N, C-alpha and C. Protein backbone atom coordinates (compact mmCIF):
# COMPACT_ATOMS: atom_id res chain seq x y z
N MET A 1 0.71 -1.43 0.20
CA MET A 1 -0.08 -0.12 0.27
C MET A 1 0.74 1.02 0.22
N MET A 2 0.47 1.68 -0.84
CA MET A 2 1.32 3.07 -0.86
C MET A 2 0.45 4.79 -0.55
N ILE A 3 0.96 5.17 -0.03
CA ILE A 3 0.63 7.18 -0.42
C ILE A 3 1.51 8.04 -0.94
N VAL A 4 0.67 8.38 -1.71
CA VAL A 4 1.31 9.89 -2.43
C VAL A 4 0.49 11.19 -1.86
N PHE A 5 1.65 12.27 -1.43
CA PHE A 5 1.65 13.12 -1.29
C PHE A 5 1.68 14.66 -1.84
N SER A 6 1.01 15.72 -2.07
CA SER A 6 1.94 16.62 -3.22
C SER A 6 2.77 17.35 -2.24
N LYS A 7 3.82 17.49 -3.47
CA LYS A 7 4.41 18.42 -3.48
C LYS A 7 4.65 19.24 -2.12
N ASP A 8 3.88 19.87 -1.59
CA ASP A 8 3.66 20.76 -0.37
C ASP A 8 3.20 20.09 0.52
N ARG A 9 2.76 18.66 0.05
CA ARG A 9 2.45 18.03 1.33
C ARG A 9 1.25 17.88 1.92
N LYS A 10 0.14 19.12 1.33
CA LYS A 10 -0.90 19.56 1.64
C LYS A 10 -1.94 18.93 1.42
N GLN A 11 -2.19 18.25 0.19
CA GLN A 11 -2.90 17.11 -0.35
C GLN A 11 -2.41 15.40 -0.77
N LEU A 12 -3.45 14.51 -0.77
CA LEU A 12 -2.32 13.25 -1.08
C LEU A 12 -4.10 12.75 -1.73
N LEU A 13 -3.31 11.53 -2.60
CA LEU A 13 -3.85 11.27 -4.00
C LEU A 13 -4.47 9.96 -2.82
N LEU A 14 -5.71 9.63 -3.19
CA LEU A 14 -6.89 8.86 -2.88
C LEU A 14 -7.43 7.91 -4.46
N ILE A 15 -7.98 6.97 -4.27
CA ILE A 15 -9.17 5.83 -4.94
C ILE A 15 -10.13 5.48 -4.75
N LYS A 16 -11.07 5.51 -5.24
CA LYS A 16 -12.30 5.43 -5.20
C LYS A 16 -12.48 4.43 -5.67
N ARG A 17 -12.47 3.13 -4.51
CA ARG A 17 -12.70 1.77 -4.92
C ARG A 17 -13.89 0.94 -5.37
N ASP A 18 -13.97 0.61 -6.79
CA ASP A 18 -15.08 0.21 -7.33
C ASP A 18 -16.24 -0.45 -6.56
N ASP A 19 -15.74 -1.50 -5.55
CA ASP A 19 -16.11 -2.85 -5.09
C ASP A 19 -16.98 -2.14 -4.12
N VAL A 20 -16.19 -1.40 -3.29
CA VAL A 20 -17.44 -0.72 -1.61
C VAL A 20 -17.66 0.98 -1.92
N LYS A 21 -17.22 1.19 -2.96
CA LYS A 21 -17.19 2.36 -2.85
C LYS A 21 -16.94 3.28 -1.49
N LEU A 22 -16.00 3.49 -1.34
CA LEU A 22 -15.24 3.98 -0.24
C LEU A 22 -13.71 4.58 -0.50
N TYR A 23 -13.29 5.52 -0.19
CA TYR A 23 -12.28 6.31 -1.02
C TYR A 23 -11.26 5.36 0.07
N ALA A 24 -9.47 5.11 -0.41
CA ALA A 24 -8.75 4.09 -0.10
C ALA A 24 -7.15 4.96 -1.30
N PHE A 25 -6.05 4.10 0.23
CA PHE A 25 -5.17 4.38 -0.59
C PHE A 25 -4.98 2.62 -1.33
N ALA A 26 -4.84 3.55 -2.71
CA ALA A 26 -3.34 2.56 -4.21
C ALA A 26 -2.77 1.77 -3.42
N GLY A 27 -3.37 0.54 -3.56
CA GLY A 27 -2.61 -1.17 -3.07
C GLY A 27 -3.47 -2.27 -2.89
N GLY A 28 -2.46 -3.60 -3.23
CA GLY A 28 -2.97 -4.73 -2.97
C GLY A 28 -2.07 -5.82 -2.52
N ALA A 29 -2.24 -6.95 -3.32
CA ALA A 29 -2.23 -8.51 -3.01
C ALA A 29 -0.60 -7.93 -3.35
N ILE A 30 0.50 -8.65 -2.89
CA ILE A 30 1.90 -9.02 -3.65
C ILE A 30 2.02 -10.36 -4.43
N ASP A 31 2.29 -10.13 -5.49
CA ASP A 31 1.82 -11.20 -6.24
C ASP A 31 3.18 -12.15 -6.71
N ALA A 32 3.21 -13.48 -6.83
CA ALA A 32 4.97 -14.24 -6.73
C ALA A 32 5.68 -13.61 -7.49
N THR A 33 5.03 -13.40 -8.78
CA THR A 33 5.69 -13.06 -9.39
C THR A 33 6.89 -10.84 -9.58
N ASP A 34 6.29 -10.70 -7.79
CA ASP A 34 6.62 -9.56 -7.97
C ASP A 34 8.37 -9.05 -7.33
N PRO A 35 9.16 -8.97 -7.95
CA PRO A 35 10.46 -9.15 -6.97
C PRO A 35 11.20 -9.06 -5.92
N SER A 36 10.07 -7.66 -5.15
CA SER A 36 9.80 -7.29 -3.69
C SER A 36 8.98 -6.64 -3.64
N ILE A 37 8.27 -6.17 -2.06
CA ILE A 37 7.34 -5.76 -1.80
C ILE A 37 7.23 -4.71 -2.31
N GLU A 38 8.57 -3.74 -2.07
CA GLU A 38 8.33 -2.09 -2.95
C GLU A 38 7.79 -2.07 -4.59
N GLU A 39 7.93 -3.43 -5.06
CA GLU A 39 7.66 -3.08 -6.33
C GLU A 39 6.52 -3.70 -6.90
N ALA A 40 6.22 -4.39 -5.53
CA ALA A 40 4.23 -4.78 -5.50
C ALA A 40 3.58 -3.57 -5.54
N ALA A 41 4.10 -2.26 -4.36
CA ALA A 41 3.75 -1.20 -4.06
C ALA A 41 3.58 -0.51 -5.56
N THR A 42 4.44 -0.86 -6.26
CA THR A 42 4.54 0.58 -7.37
C THR A 42 3.99 -0.11 -8.54
N ARG A 43 3.67 -1.48 -8.57
CA ARG A 43 3.04 -1.72 -9.61
C ARG A 43 0.84 -1.85 -9.08
N GLU A 44 1.08 -2.58 -8.04
CA GLU A 44 -0.40 -1.63 -8.11
C GLU A 44 -0.85 -0.66 -8.30
N PHE A 45 -0.27 0.35 -7.19
CA PHE A 45 -0.68 1.68 -7.46
C PHE A 45 -0.39 1.70 -9.09
N PHE A 46 0.38 1.36 -9.97
CA PHE A 46 0.23 1.56 -11.51
C PHE A 46 -1.06 1.15 -11.83
N GLU A 47 -1.44 0.33 -11.49
CA GLU A 47 -2.47 -0.58 -12.05
C GLU A 47 -3.93 0.55 -11.41
N GLU A 48 -3.98 0.97 -9.84
CA GLU A 48 -5.30 1.53 -9.90
C GLU A 48 -5.49 3.02 -10.29
N THR A 49 -4.52 3.35 -10.97
CA THR A 49 -4.04 4.99 -10.74
C THR A 49 -3.72 5.65 -11.93
N GLY A 50 -2.79 4.89 -12.84
CA GLY A 50 -2.34 5.34 -14.10
C GLY A 50 -0.83 5.28 -13.43
N PHE A 51 -0.55 6.03 -12.47
CA PHE A 51 0.57 6.72 -11.69
C PHE A 51 1.85 5.91 -11.93
N LEU A 52 2.78 6.29 -12.99
CA LEU A 52 4.47 5.68 -12.71
C LEU A 52 4.69 5.84 -11.54
N THR A 53 5.22 5.52 -9.53
CA THR A 53 5.52 6.13 -8.48
C THR A 53 7.20 5.64 -8.62
N GLN A 54 7.92 5.57 -7.64
CA GLN A 54 8.85 5.03 -6.53
C GLN A 54 8.38 5.21 -5.25
N VAL A 55 9.24 4.33 -4.66
CA VAL A 55 9.17 4.39 -2.99
C VAL A 55 10.05 5.28 -2.47
N VAL A 56 9.84 6.28 -2.02
CA VAL A 56 10.65 7.41 -1.45
C VAL A 56 11.09 6.38 0.01
N ARG A 57 9.88 6.26 0.53
CA ARG A 57 10.52 5.29 2.48
C ARG A 57 9.47 4.38 2.51
N LYS A 58 10.00 3.30 3.55
CA LYS A 58 8.83 2.68 4.08
C LYS A 58 8.39 3.06 5.26
N ILE A 59 7.35 3.71 5.84
CA ILE A 59 6.77 4.49 6.59
C ILE A 59 6.28 3.01 7.74
N CYS A 60 5.59 1.98 7.61
CA CYS A 60 5.13 0.91 9.05
C CYS A 60 5.11 -0.07 7.97
N THR A 61 5.17 -1.25 8.85
CA THR A 61 4.84 -2.82 8.38
C THR A 61 3.52 -2.72 9.63
N TYR A 62 2.48 -2.88 9.51
CA TYR A 62 0.90 -3.12 10.61
C TYR A 62 0.94 -4.99 10.56
N THR A 63 1.12 -5.77 11.96
CA THR A 63 1.12 -6.80 11.97
C THR A 63 -0.44 -7.11 12.19
N PRO A 64 -0.73 -8.27 11.43
CA PRO A 64 -2.25 -8.78 11.99
C PRO A 64 -3.02 -8.90 13.12
N PHE A 65 -3.85 -8.69 13.31
CA PHE A 65 -4.58 -9.08 14.26
C PHE A 65 -5.10 -10.29 14.82
N GLY A 66 -5.96 -10.47 13.51
CA GLY A 66 -6.59 -11.78 13.61
C GLY A 66 -7.17 -12.33 11.99
N PRO A 67 -8.19 -13.64 12.00
CA PRO A 67 -8.18 -13.79 10.93
C PRO A 67 -8.54 -12.88 9.32
N PHE A 68 -9.31 -12.05 9.53
CA PHE A 68 -9.37 -11.23 8.98
C PHE A 68 -8.57 -10.12 8.79
N SER A 69 -7.33 -9.82 9.36
CA SER A 69 -6.84 -8.96 8.76
C SER A 69 -5.55 -9.72 8.17
N ARG A 70 -4.39 -9.12 7.74
CA ARG A 70 -3.34 -8.99 7.24
C ARG A 70 -1.96 -8.04 7.49
N THR A 71 -0.51 -8.47 6.98
CA THR A 71 0.43 -7.60 6.82
C THR A 71 0.12 -6.58 6.22
N THR A 72 0.38 -5.71 6.38
CA THR A 72 0.27 -4.35 5.51
C THR A 72 1.28 -4.00 5.48
N HIS A 73 2.17 -3.93 4.56
CA HIS A 73 3.57 -3.24 4.23
C HIS A 73 2.94 -1.63 3.62
N PHE A 74 2.97 -0.48 4.33
CA PHE A 74 2.62 1.12 3.75
C PHE A 74 4.05 1.66 3.81
N PHE A 75 3.93 2.09 2.18
CA PHE A 75 4.74 3.03 1.50
C PHE A 75 5.11 4.38 1.26
N GLU A 76 6.04 5.56 1.37
CA GLU A 76 5.09 6.52 0.72
C GLU A 76 6.03 6.51 -0.61
N GLY A 77 5.70 7.19 -1.43
CA GLY A 77 5.53 7.23 -3.27
C GLY A 77 5.66 8.11 -3.14
N GLN A 78 6.20 9.07 -4.76
CA GLN A 78 6.05 10.09 -5.70
C GLN A 78 5.98 9.59 -6.99
N ILE A 79 5.27 10.44 -7.53
CA ILE A 79 4.95 10.41 -8.64
C ILE A 79 5.91 10.61 -9.50
N LEU A 80 6.35 10.29 -10.71
CA LEU A 80 6.94 9.83 -11.71
C LEU A 80 6.37 10.19 -13.15
N SER A 81 5.75 9.88 -13.24
CA SER A 81 5.03 10.14 -14.93
C SER A 81 3.22 9.54 -14.49
N GLY A 82 2.80 10.19 -15.46
CA GLY A 82 1.12 9.32 -15.62
C GLY A 82 0.78 10.35 -15.65
N THR A 83 -0.92 9.73 -16.06
CA THR A 83 -1.94 10.90 -15.77
C THR A 83 -2.99 9.85 -14.64
N ALA A 84 -3.83 10.57 -14.15
CA ALA A 84 -4.93 9.74 -13.42
C ALA A 84 -5.70 9.03 -13.82
N THR A 85 -5.49 7.92 -14.64
CA THR A 85 -6.55 6.98 -14.96
C THR A 85 -7.69 6.18 -14.01
N PRO A 86 -9.10 5.86 -13.67
CA PRO A 86 -9.48 4.83 -13.11
C PRO A 86 -9.24 3.68 -13.66
N SER A 87 -9.22 2.61 -13.09
CA SER A 87 -9.18 0.69 -13.17
C SER A 87 -10.63 0.21 -13.38
N LYS A 88 -9.92 -1.26 -13.32
CA LYS A 88 -11.74 -1.87 -13.26
C LYS A 88 -11.73 -2.17 -11.83
N GLU A 89 -10.75 -1.56 -11.22
CA GLU A 89 -10.88 -1.76 -9.62
C GLU A 89 -11.82 -0.55 -9.12
N THR A 90 -11.04 0.57 -9.57
CA THR A 90 -11.59 2.20 -9.12
C THR A 90 -11.96 2.88 -9.48
N ARG A 91 -12.75 3.55 -9.32
CA ARG A 91 -14.25 4.67 -10.12
C ARG A 91 -13.47 5.78 -10.23
N GLU A 92 -12.57 6.44 -9.22
CA GLU A 92 -12.03 7.24 -9.14
C GLU A 92 -10.38 7.45 -8.96
N VAL A 93 -9.77 8.58 -9.64
CA VAL A 93 -8.20 8.98 -8.89
C VAL A 93 -8.07 10.41 -8.72
N ALA A 94 -8.18 10.96 -7.46
CA ALA A 94 -7.47 12.57 -6.95
C ALA A 94 -7.31 12.62 -6.21
N PHE A 95 -6.51 14.46 -5.60
CA PHE A 95 -5.69 14.20 -5.14
C PHE A 95 -6.99 15.65 -3.82
N PHE A 96 -6.74 15.03 -2.45
CA PHE A 96 -8.29 15.53 -1.78
C PHE A 96 -6.87 16.44 -0.41
N PRO A 97 -7.33 17.90 -0.51
CA PRO A 97 -6.18 18.38 0.83
C PRO A 97 -6.97 17.76 1.91
N LEU A 98 -5.96 17.93 2.85
CA LEU A 98 -5.41 17.03 3.97
C LEU A 98 -6.89 17.31 5.19
N ASN A 99 -7.19 18.70 5.00
CA ASN A 99 -8.35 19.13 5.72
C ASN A 99 -9.55 19.09 5.49
N GLN A 100 -9.78 18.11 4.08
CA GLN A 100 -10.72 17.90 3.67
C GLN A 100 -10.92 16.61 2.79
N LEU A 101 -10.90 15.63 3.53
CA LEU A 101 -10.41 14.29 3.02
C LEU A 101 -11.87 14.18 3.14
N PRO A 102 -12.42 12.96 2.17
CA PRO A 102 -13.98 12.54 1.70
C PRO A 102 -13.89 11.39 3.18
N LYS A 103 -15.64 12.00 2.97
CA LYS A 103 -16.08 11.88 4.65
C LYS A 103 -16.42 9.91 4.32
N ASN A 104 -16.15 9.41 2.80
CA ASN A 104 -16.36 7.71 3.26
C ASN A 104 -14.88 7.17 2.56
N LEU A 105 -13.55 7.92 3.32
CA LEU A 105 -12.93 7.73 3.72
C LEU A 105 -12.75 5.84 4.32
N VAL A 106 -11.96 4.67 4.04
CA VAL A 106 -11.47 3.71 5.15
C VAL A 106 -11.34 4.59 5.95
N PRO A 107 -12.20 4.12 7.47
CA PRO A 107 -11.67 4.20 8.71
C PRO A 107 -10.62 4.46 9.80
N LEU A 108 -9.68 3.22 9.16
CA LEU A 108 -8.75 2.99 9.28
C LEU A 108 -7.33 4.40 8.63
N TYR A 109 -7.68 4.28 7.38
CA TYR A 109 -6.55 5.87 7.05
C TYR A 109 -6.54 6.97 7.60
N HIS A 110 -7.45 7.32 8.46
CA HIS A 110 -6.87 8.70 9.38
C HIS A 110 -5.61 8.41 10.45
N ASP A 111 -5.75 7.17 10.87
CA ASP A 111 -4.65 6.79 11.46
C ASP A 111 -3.05 6.48 10.86
N MET A 112 -3.54 5.82 9.94
CA MET A 112 -2.13 5.86 8.99
C MET A 112 -1.87 7.34 8.27
N ILE A 113 -3.05 8.36 8.00
CA ILE A 113 -1.82 9.34 7.49
C ILE A 113 -1.29 9.51 8.72
N ARG A 114 -1.87 9.63 9.92
CA ARG A 114 -1.16 10.71 10.84
C ARG A 114 0.45 9.67 11.04
N ASP A 115 -0.21 8.43 10.97
CA ASP A 115 1.53 7.86 10.68
C ASP A 115 2.85 8.36 10.02
N ALA A 116 2.05 8.36 8.46
CA ALA A 116 2.81 9.06 7.51
C ALA A 116 3.00 10.39 7.74
N LEU A 117 2.69 11.77 8.41
CA LEU A 117 3.22 12.52 8.43
C LEU A 117 4.08 12.27 9.79
N ASP A 118 4.11 11.77 10.83
CA ASP A 118 4.92 11.76 11.54
C ASP A 118 5.83 10.86 11.55
N PRO A 119 7.37 11.57 11.99
CA PRO A 119 8.80 11.20 11.76
C PRO A 119 8.87 10.13 12.70
N GLU A 120 8.35 10.20 14.30
CA GLU A 120 8.77 9.68 14.67
C GLU A 120 7.74 8.22 14.86
N CYS A 121 7.36 7.44 13.54
CA CYS A 121 6.30 6.21 13.13
C CYS A 121 7.17 5.28 13.94
N PRO A 122 7.12 4.35 14.90
CA PRO A 122 7.61 3.05 14.78
C PRO A 122 7.58 2.15 13.60
N SER A 123 8.32 1.75 12.85
CA SER A 123 8.91 0.99 12.20
C SER A 123 7.38 -0.67 11.73
N SER A 124 7.45 -1.06 12.60
CA SER A 124 5.95 -1.61 12.26
C SER A 124 5.31 -1.91 14.12
N LYS A 125 3.64 -1.66 13.70
CA LYS A 125 3.06 -1.72 14.88
C LYS A 125 1.47 -2.87 14.57
N PRO A 126 1.07 -2.74 15.58
CA PRO A 126 -0.29 -3.88 15.62
C PRO A 126 -1.31 -3.08 14.53
N MET A 127 -1.52 -3.66 13.80
CA MET A 127 -3.05 -3.54 12.94
C MET A 127 -3.80 -3.20 13.98
N PRO A 128 -4.55 -1.57 14.44
CA PRO A 128 -5.85 -1.38 14.95
C PRO A 128 -6.16 -1.97 15.19
N ARG A 129 -7.21 -3.13 16.34
CA ARG A 129 -8.03 -4.13 16.31
C ARG A 129 -9.87 -3.71 15.67
N LEU A 130 -10.16 -2.17 16.02
CA LEU A 130 -11.35 -2.38 16.06
C LEU A 130 -11.56 -1.02 14.77
N TYR A 131 -10.78 -0.66 14.25
CA TYR A 131 -10.59 0.01 12.96
C TYR A 131 -11.78 0.03 11.99
N TRP A 132 -12.12 -0.93 11.82
CA TRP A 132 -14.24 -1.06 11.47
C TRP A 132 -14.85 -0.65 11.73
N ILE A 133 -14.86 -0.64 12.77
CA ILE A 133 -16.24 0.30 13.79
C ILE A 133 -16.16 1.49 13.86
N ARG A 134 -15.45 1.79 13.94
CA ARG A 134 -15.08 3.67 14.55
C ARG A 134 -16.37 4.74 14.12
N ASP A 135 -16.51 4.35 12.78
CA ASP A 135 -17.70 4.88 11.50
C ASP A 135 -18.96 3.77 11.81
N TRP A 136 -19.46 4.28 12.53
CA TRP A 136 -20.63 3.53 12.43
C TRP A 136 -21.46 3.47 10.93
N ARG A 137 -21.52 4.54 10.24
CA ARG A 137 -22.28 4.51 9.05
C ARG A 137 -21.45 3.42 8.16
N PHE A 138 -20.31 3.24 8.87
CA PHE A 138 -19.44 1.99 7.51
C PHE A 138 -20.33 0.94 7.91
N VAL A 139 -20.49 0.51 8.84
CA VAL A 139 -20.77 -0.67 9.82
C VAL A 139 -22.40 -1.05 9.46
N TYR A 140 -23.40 -0.19 9.19
CA TYR A 140 -24.64 0.01 9.05
C TYR A 140 -24.79 0.06 8.15
N ASN A 141 -23.86 0.20 6.98
CA ASN A 141 -24.59 0.14 5.80
C ASN A 141 -24.03 -0.97 4.59
N PRO A 142 -24.96 -1.51 4.46
CA PRO A 142 -25.10 -2.47 4.14
C PRO A 142 -24.21 -2.70 2.12
N PHE A 143 -24.77 -1.65 2.10
CA PHE A 143 -24.06 -1.84 0.13
C PHE A 143 -22.28 -1.25 0.49
N ILE A 144 -22.17 -1.11 1.98
CA ILE A 144 -20.36 -0.61 2.21
C ILE A 144 -20.06 -2.22 2.86
N PHE A 145 -20.77 -2.31 3.57
CA PHE A 145 -19.91 -3.27 4.51
C PHE A 145 -19.92 -5.15 4.15
N VAL A 146 -21.19 -5.25 3.34
CA VAL A 146 -21.44 -6.68 3.23
C VAL A 146 -20.33 -7.11 1.75
N PRO A 147 -20.02 -5.98 0.75
CA PRO A 147 -19.02 -6.23 0.03
C PRO A 147 -17.33 -6.31 0.78
N PHE A 148 -17.52 -5.33 1.70
CA PHE A 148 -16.24 -5.25 2.25
C PHE A 148 -15.79 -6.70 3.09
N LEU A 149 -16.79 -7.32 4.05
CA LEU A 149 -16.69 -8.32 5.09
C LEU A 149 -16.74 -9.44 4.05
N TYR A 150 -17.02 -9.58 2.81
CA TYR A 150 -17.39 -10.98 1.73
C TYR A 150 -15.59 -10.67 0.77
N GLY A 151 -15.46 -9.91 0.64
CA GLY A 151 -14.39 -9.37 0.17
C GLY A 151 -13.28 -10.35 1.44
N ARG A 152 -12.58 -10.00 2.69
CA ARG A 152 -12.32 -10.44 3.65
C ARG A 152 -12.38 -11.90 4.05
N LEU A 153 -13.46 -12.28 3.64
CA LEU A 153 -13.74 -13.75 3.93
C LEU A 153 -13.32 -14.44 2.76
N ARG A 154 -13.50 -13.58 1.16
CA ARG A 154 -12.78 -14.65 0.39
C ARG A 154 -11.52 -15.19 0.58
N TRP A 155 -10.42 -13.27 0.68
CA TRP A 155 -9.85 -13.56 0.87
C TRP A 155 -8.94 -14.93 1.74
N TRP A 156 -9.73 -14.64 3.02
CA TRP A 156 -9.53 -15.67 4.52
C TRP A 156 -9.24 -16.97 4.09
N CYS A 157 -10.42 -17.63 3.20
CA CYS A 157 -10.94 -18.60 2.80
C CYS A 157 -9.94 -19.39 1.57
N LYS A 158 -9.34 -18.65 0.58
CA LYS A 158 -8.37 -18.38 -0.15
C LYS A 158 -6.77 -18.52 0.61
N THR A 159 -6.11 -18.13 1.36
CA THR A 159 -5.32 -18.37 2.08
C THR A 159 -5.76 -19.80 3.27
N ARG A 160 -6.71 -20.00 3.53
CA ARG A 160 -6.75 -21.38 4.19
C ARG A 160 -6.43 -22.51 3.28
N LEU A 161 -6.86 -21.94 2.22
CA LEU A 161 -6.45 -23.26 0.86
C LEU A 161 -5.23 -23.44 0.27
N LEU A 162 -4.96 -22.67 0.61
CA LEU A 162 -3.17 -22.72 -0.33
C LEU A 162 -2.27 -23.13 1.21
N ARG A 163 -2.62 -23.20 2.67
CA ARG A 163 -1.75 -23.75 3.25
C ARG A 163 -1.87 -24.77 3.37
N SER A 164 -3.77 -25.42 3.07
CA SER A 164 -3.96 -27.18 3.23
C SER A 164 -2.67 -27.60 1.86
């Protein structure tokens, strides 16, 4: 997963996901063909945004807390080239001012933005356990919560099958 700030660090780039209609950072799974986690992050960023980037630094590794969470590698990147291009996974790609973030931003990302702006952020920390219930609109909106839960359940089943 990668966060990209504007040059003045007053805005950040977000995608609007196609599946759950939430704003998020661009990112995804590490493929077996990815030479490194950094290259996986830049590949996913390009696929979801249309921007070619490079990793500036690793912000943090969030460790999982249960069966529906996974290790998340969080990087800061900078744009090298490209234009904002939505993909099959994204409806929108846009910069947002830090003081005017969309209301339907994935709840956990507020903490991750603070971590990205904090020069003292530890290199590894646990994923907040109840991040998805901080915003009750997220939990009580079935058009958002059901696809989110379905995606997590599908991922969990897939990882269980791969271990067998």
